[in-house]
Amino acid sequence: MSREQQALLEMMQEVHSHGEQQETDLNALMTLITEKLAPVMKPE
């Protein structure tokens, strides 16, 4: 697992643990994370 993937996994776990009562915020944050990560995950 790459360092970026590890960081993302930790972020997702943290978001999930805080997001149970904040479903809308969780969805928005997951979208933001996905958009920011997309260029990183693509091969150069």
PDB file of N, CA and C in Angstrom:
ATOM      1  N   MET A   1       0.853  -1.196   0.000  1.00  0.00           N
ATOM      2  CA  MET A   1       0.000   0.000   0.000  1.00  0.00           C
ATOM      3  C   MET A   1       0.887   1.244   0.000  1.00  0.00           C
ATOM      4  N   SER A   2       0.559   2.180  -0.861  1.00  0.00           N
ATOM      5  CA  SER A   2       1.357   3.400  -0.948  1.00  0.00           C
ATOM      6  C   SER A   2       1.067   4.317   0.234  1.00  0.00           C
ATOM      7  N   ARG A   3       1.938   5.271   0.424  1.00  0.00           N
ATOM      8  CA  ARG A   3       1.768   6.227   1.525  1.00  0.00           C
ATOM      9  C   ARG A   3       0.469   7.014   1.356  1.00  0.00           C
ATOM     10  N   GLU A   4       0.140   7.375   0.095  1.00  0.00           N
ATOM     11  CA  GLU A   4      -1.098   8.118  -0.161  1.00  0.00           C
ATOM     12  C   GLU A   4      -2.318   7.276   0.200  1.00  0.00           C
ATOM     13  N   GLN A   5      -2.275   5.992  -0.172  1.00  0.00           N
ATOM     14  CA  GLN A   5      -3.402   5.113   0.139  1.00  0.00           C
ATOM     15  C   GLN A   5      -3.559   4.935   1.648  1.00  0.00           C
ATOM     16  N   GLN A   6      -2.432   4.819   2.354  1.00  0.00           N
ATOM     17  CA  GLN A   6      -2.475   4.660   3.804  1.00  0.00           C
ATOM     18  C   GLN A   6      -3.084   5.898   4.455  1.00  0.00           C
ATOM     19  N   ALA A   7      -2.660   7.077   3.986  1.00  0.00           N
ATOM     20  CA  ALA A   7      -3.189   8.329   4.528  1.00  0.00           C
ATOM     21  C   ALA A   7      -4.686   8.432   4.264  1.00  0.00           C
ATOM     22  N   LEU A   8      -5.101   8.038   3.061  1.00  0.00           N
ATOM     23  CA  LEU A   8      -6.518   8.085   2.716  1.00  0.00           C
ATOM     24  C   LEU A   8      -7.321   7.150   3.607  1.00  0.00           C
ATOM     25  N   LEU A   9      -6.798   5.949   3.829  1.00  0.00           N
ATOM     26  CA  LEU A   9      -7.489   4.976   4.664  1.00  0.00           C
ATOM     27  C   LEU A   9      -7.686   5.525   6.073  1.00  0.00           C
ATOM     28  N   GLU A  10      -6.639   6.111   6.632  1.00  0.00           N
ATOM     29  CA  GLU A  10      -6.735   6.688   7.972  1.00  0.00           C
ATOM     30  C   GLU A  10      -7.749   7.827   7.996  1.00  0.00           C
ATOM     31  N   MET A  11      -7.743   8.662   6.942  1.00  0.00           N
ATOM     32  CA  MET A  11      -8.695   9.770   6.853  1.00  0.00           C
ATOM     33  C   MET A  11     -10.124   9.249   6.809  1.00  0.00           C
ATOM     34  N   MET A  12     -10.346   8.230   5.971  1.00  0.00           N
ATOM     35  CA  MET A  12     -11.692   7.674   5.847  1.00  0.00           C
ATOM     36  C   MET A  12     -12.178   7.098   7.170  1.00  0.00           C
ATOM     37  N   GLN A  13     -11.292   6.401   7.882  1.00  0.00           N
ATOM     38  CA  GLN A  13     -11.674   5.810   9.161  1.00  0.00           C
ATOM     39  C   GLN A  13     -12.027   6.904  10.165  1.00  0.00           C
ATOM     40  N   GLU A  14     -11.246   7.988  10.167  1.00  0.00           N
ATOM     41  CA  GLU A  14     -11.517   9.088  11.086  1.00  0.00           C
ATOM     42  C   GLU A  14     -12.829   9.774  10.735  1.00  0.00           C
ATOM     43  N   VAL A  15     -13.030  10.018   9.442  1.00  0.00           N
ATOM     44  CA  VAL A  15     -14.276  10.637   8.985  1.00  0.00           C
ATOM     45  C   VAL A  15     -15.460   9.760   9.368  1.00  0.00           C
ATOM     46  N   HIS A  16     -15.329   8.453   9.154  1.00  0.00           N
ATOM     47  CA  HIS A  16     -16.425   7.531   9.445  1.00  0.00           C
ATOM     48  C   HIS A  16     -16.763   7.548  10.931  1.00  0.00           C
ATOM     49  N   SER A  17     -15.749   7.577  11.774  1.00  0.00           N
ATOM     50  CA  SER A  17     -15.981   7.526  13.217  1.00  0.00           C
ATOM     51  C   SER A  17     -16.679   8.787  13.712  1.00  0.00           C
ATOM     52  N   HIS A  18     -16.485   9.908  13.004  1.00  0.00           N
ATOM     53  CA  HIS A  18     -17.105  11.170  13.411  1.00  0.00           C
ATOM     54  C   HIS A  18     -18.370  11.470  12.606  1.00  0.00           C
ATOM     55  N   GLY A  19     -18.629  10.689  11.561  1.00  0.00           N
ATOM     56  CA  GLY A  19     -19.653  11.062  10.593  1.00  0.00           C
ATOM     57  C   GLY A  19     -21.003  10.402  10.780  1.00  0.00           C
ATOM     58  N   GLU A  20     -21.149   9.547  11.787  1.00  0.00           N
ATOM     59  CA  GLU A  20     -22.398   8.797  11.934  1.00  0.00           C
ATOM     60  C   GLU A  20     -23.609   9.727  12.030  1.00  0.00           C
ATOM     61  N   GLN A  21     -23.488  10.804  12.786  1.00  0.00           N
ATOM     62  CA  GLN A  21     -24.609  11.720  12.983  1.00  0.00           C
ATOM     63  C   GLN A  21     -24.553  12.885  12.007  1.00  0.00           C
ATOM     64  N   GLN A  22     -23.610  12.852  11.075  1.00  0.00           N
ATOM     65  CA  GLN A  22     -23.416  13.964  10.141  1.00  0.00           C
ATOM     66  C   GLN A  22     -23.336  13.419   8.721  1.00  0.00           C
ATOM     67  N   GLU A  23     -24.388  12.750   8.298  1.00  0.00           N
ATOM     68  CA  GLU A  23     -24.350  12.026   7.023  1.00  0.00           C
ATOM     69  C   GLU A  23     -24.072  12.961   5.851  1.00  0.00           C
ATOM     70  N   THR A  24     -24.698  14.137   5.855  1.00  0.00           N
ATOM     71  CA  THR A  24     -24.514  15.076   4.749  1.00  0.00           C
ATOM     72  C   THR A  24     -23.077  15.563   4.694  1.00  0.00           C
ATOM     73  N   ASP A  25     -22.532  15.942   5.846  1.00  0.00           N
ATOM     74  CA  ASP A  25     -21.147  16.404   5.898  1.00  0.00           C
ATOM     75  C   ASP A  25     -20.200  15.286   5.467  1.00  0.00           C
ATOM     76  N   LEU A  26     -20.493  14.068   5.878  1.00  0.00           N
ATOM     77  CA  LEU A  26     -19.659  12.924   5.518  1.00  0.00           C
ATOM     78  C   LEU A  26     -19.631  12.753   4.001  1.00  0.00           C
ATOM     79  N   ASN A  27     -20.793  12.803   3.374  1.00  0.00           N
ATOM     80  CA  ASN A  27     -20.858  12.635   1.922  1.00  0.00           C
ATOM     81  C   ASN A  27     -20.092  13.737   1.207  1.00  0.00           C
ATOM     82  N   ALA A  28     -20.234  14.974   1.674  1.00  0.00           N
ATOM     83  CA  ALA A  28     -19.521  16.092   1.060  1.00  0.00           C
ATOM     84  C   ALA A  28     -18.018  15.925   1.220  1.00  0.00           C
ATOM     85  N   LEU A  29     -17.598  15.493   2.399  1.00  0.00           N
ATOM     86  CA  LEU A  29     -16.170  15.327   2.657  1.00  0.00           C
ATOM     87  C   LEU A  29     -15.595  14.180   1.829  1.00  0.00           C
ATOM     88  N   MET A  30     -16.344  13.095   1.694  1.00  0.00           N
ATOM     89  CA  MET A  30     -15.874  11.971   0.890  1.00  0.00           C
ATOM     90  C   MET A  30     -15.707  12.393  -0.570  1.00  0.00           C
ATOM     91  N   THR A  31     -16.636  13.222  -1.064  1.00  0.00           N
ATOM     92  CA  THR A  31     -16.529  13.730  -2.432  1.00  0.00           C
ATOM     93  C   THR A  31     -15.279  14.574  -2.585  1.00  0.00           C
ATOM     94  N   LEU A  32     -15.032  15.441  -1.608  1.00  0.00           N
ATOM     95  CA  LEU A  32     -13.846  16.300  -1.639  1.00  0.00           C
ATOM     96  C   LEU A  32     -12.569  15.466  -1.632  1.00  0.00           C
ATOM     97  N   ILE A  33     -12.520  14.466  -0.760  1.00  0.00           N
ATOM     98  CA  ILE A  33     -11.345  13.590  -0.680  1.00  0.00           C
ATOM     99  C   ILE A  33     -11.137  12.883  -2.019  1.00  0.00           C
ATOM    100  N   THR A  34     -12.203  12.377  -2.599  1.00  0.00           N
ATOM    101  CA  THR A  34     -12.101  11.653  -3.865  1.00  0.00           C
ATOM    102  C   THR A  34     -11.567  12.560  -4.963  1.00  0.00           C
ATOM    103  N   GLU A  35     -12.075  13.791  -5.024  1.00  0.00           N
ATOM    104  CA  GLU A  35     -11.628  14.735  -6.047  1.00  0.00           C
ATOM    105  C   GLU A  35     -10.156  15.075  -5.865  1.00  0.00           C
ATOM    106  N   LYS A  36      -9.740  15.263  -4.611  1.00  0.00           N
ATOM    107  CA  LYS A  36      -8.344  15.614  -4.354  1.00  0.00           C
ATOM    108  C   LYS A  36      -7.422  14.427  -4.610  1.00  0.00           C
ATOM    109  N   LEU A  37      -7.912  13.219  -4.365  1.00  0.00           N
ATOM    110  CA  LEU A  37      -7.060  12.042  -4.497  1.00  0.00           C
ATOM    111  C   LEU A  37      -6.960  11.559  -5.938  1.00  0.00           C
ATOM    112  N   ALA A  38      -7.963  11.829  -6.753  1.00  0.00           N
ATOM    113  CA  ALA A  38      -8.002  11.302  -8.119  1.00  0.00           C
ATOM    114  C   ALA A  38      -6.698  11.530  -8.889  1.00  0.00           C
ATOM    115  N   PRO A  39      -6.134  12.740  -8.901  1.00  0.00           N
ATOM    116  CA  PRO A  39      -4.870  12.944  -9.632  1.00  0.00           C
ATOM    117  C   PRO A  39      -3.721  12.138  -9.033  1.00  0.00           C
ATOM    118  N   VAL A  40      -3.742  11.914  -7.733  1.00  0.00           N
ATOM    119  CA  VAL A  40      -2.672  11.172  -7.064  1.00  0.00           C
ATOM    120  C   VAL A  40      -2.719   9.700  -7.465  1.00  0.00           C
ATOM    121  N   MET A  41      -3.918   9.158  -7.581  1.00  0.00           N
ATOM    122  CA  MET A  41      -4.083   7.737  -7.847  1.00  0.00           C
ATOM    123  C   MET A  41      -3.796   7.387  -9.305  1.00  0.00           C
ATOM    124  N   LYS A  42      -3.907   8.366 -10.203  1.00  0.00           N
ATOM    125  CA  LYS A  42      -3.639   8.110 -11.618  1.00  0.00           C
ATOM    126  C   LYS A  42      -2.141   7.988 -11.848  1.00  0.00           C
ATOM    127  N   PRO A  43      -1.734   7.035 -12.670  1.00  0.00           N
ATOM    128  CA  PRO A  43      -0.306   6.943 -13.004  1.00  0.00           C
ATOM    129  C   PRO A  43       0.141   8.172 -13.775  1.00  0.00           C
ATOM    130  N   GLU A  44       1.347   8.605 -13.495  1.00  0.00           N
ATOM    131  CA  GLU A  44       1.885   9.802 -14.157  1.00  0.00           C
ATOM    132  C   GLU A  44       2.050   9.535 -15.650  1.00  0.00           C
TER     133      GLU A  44
END
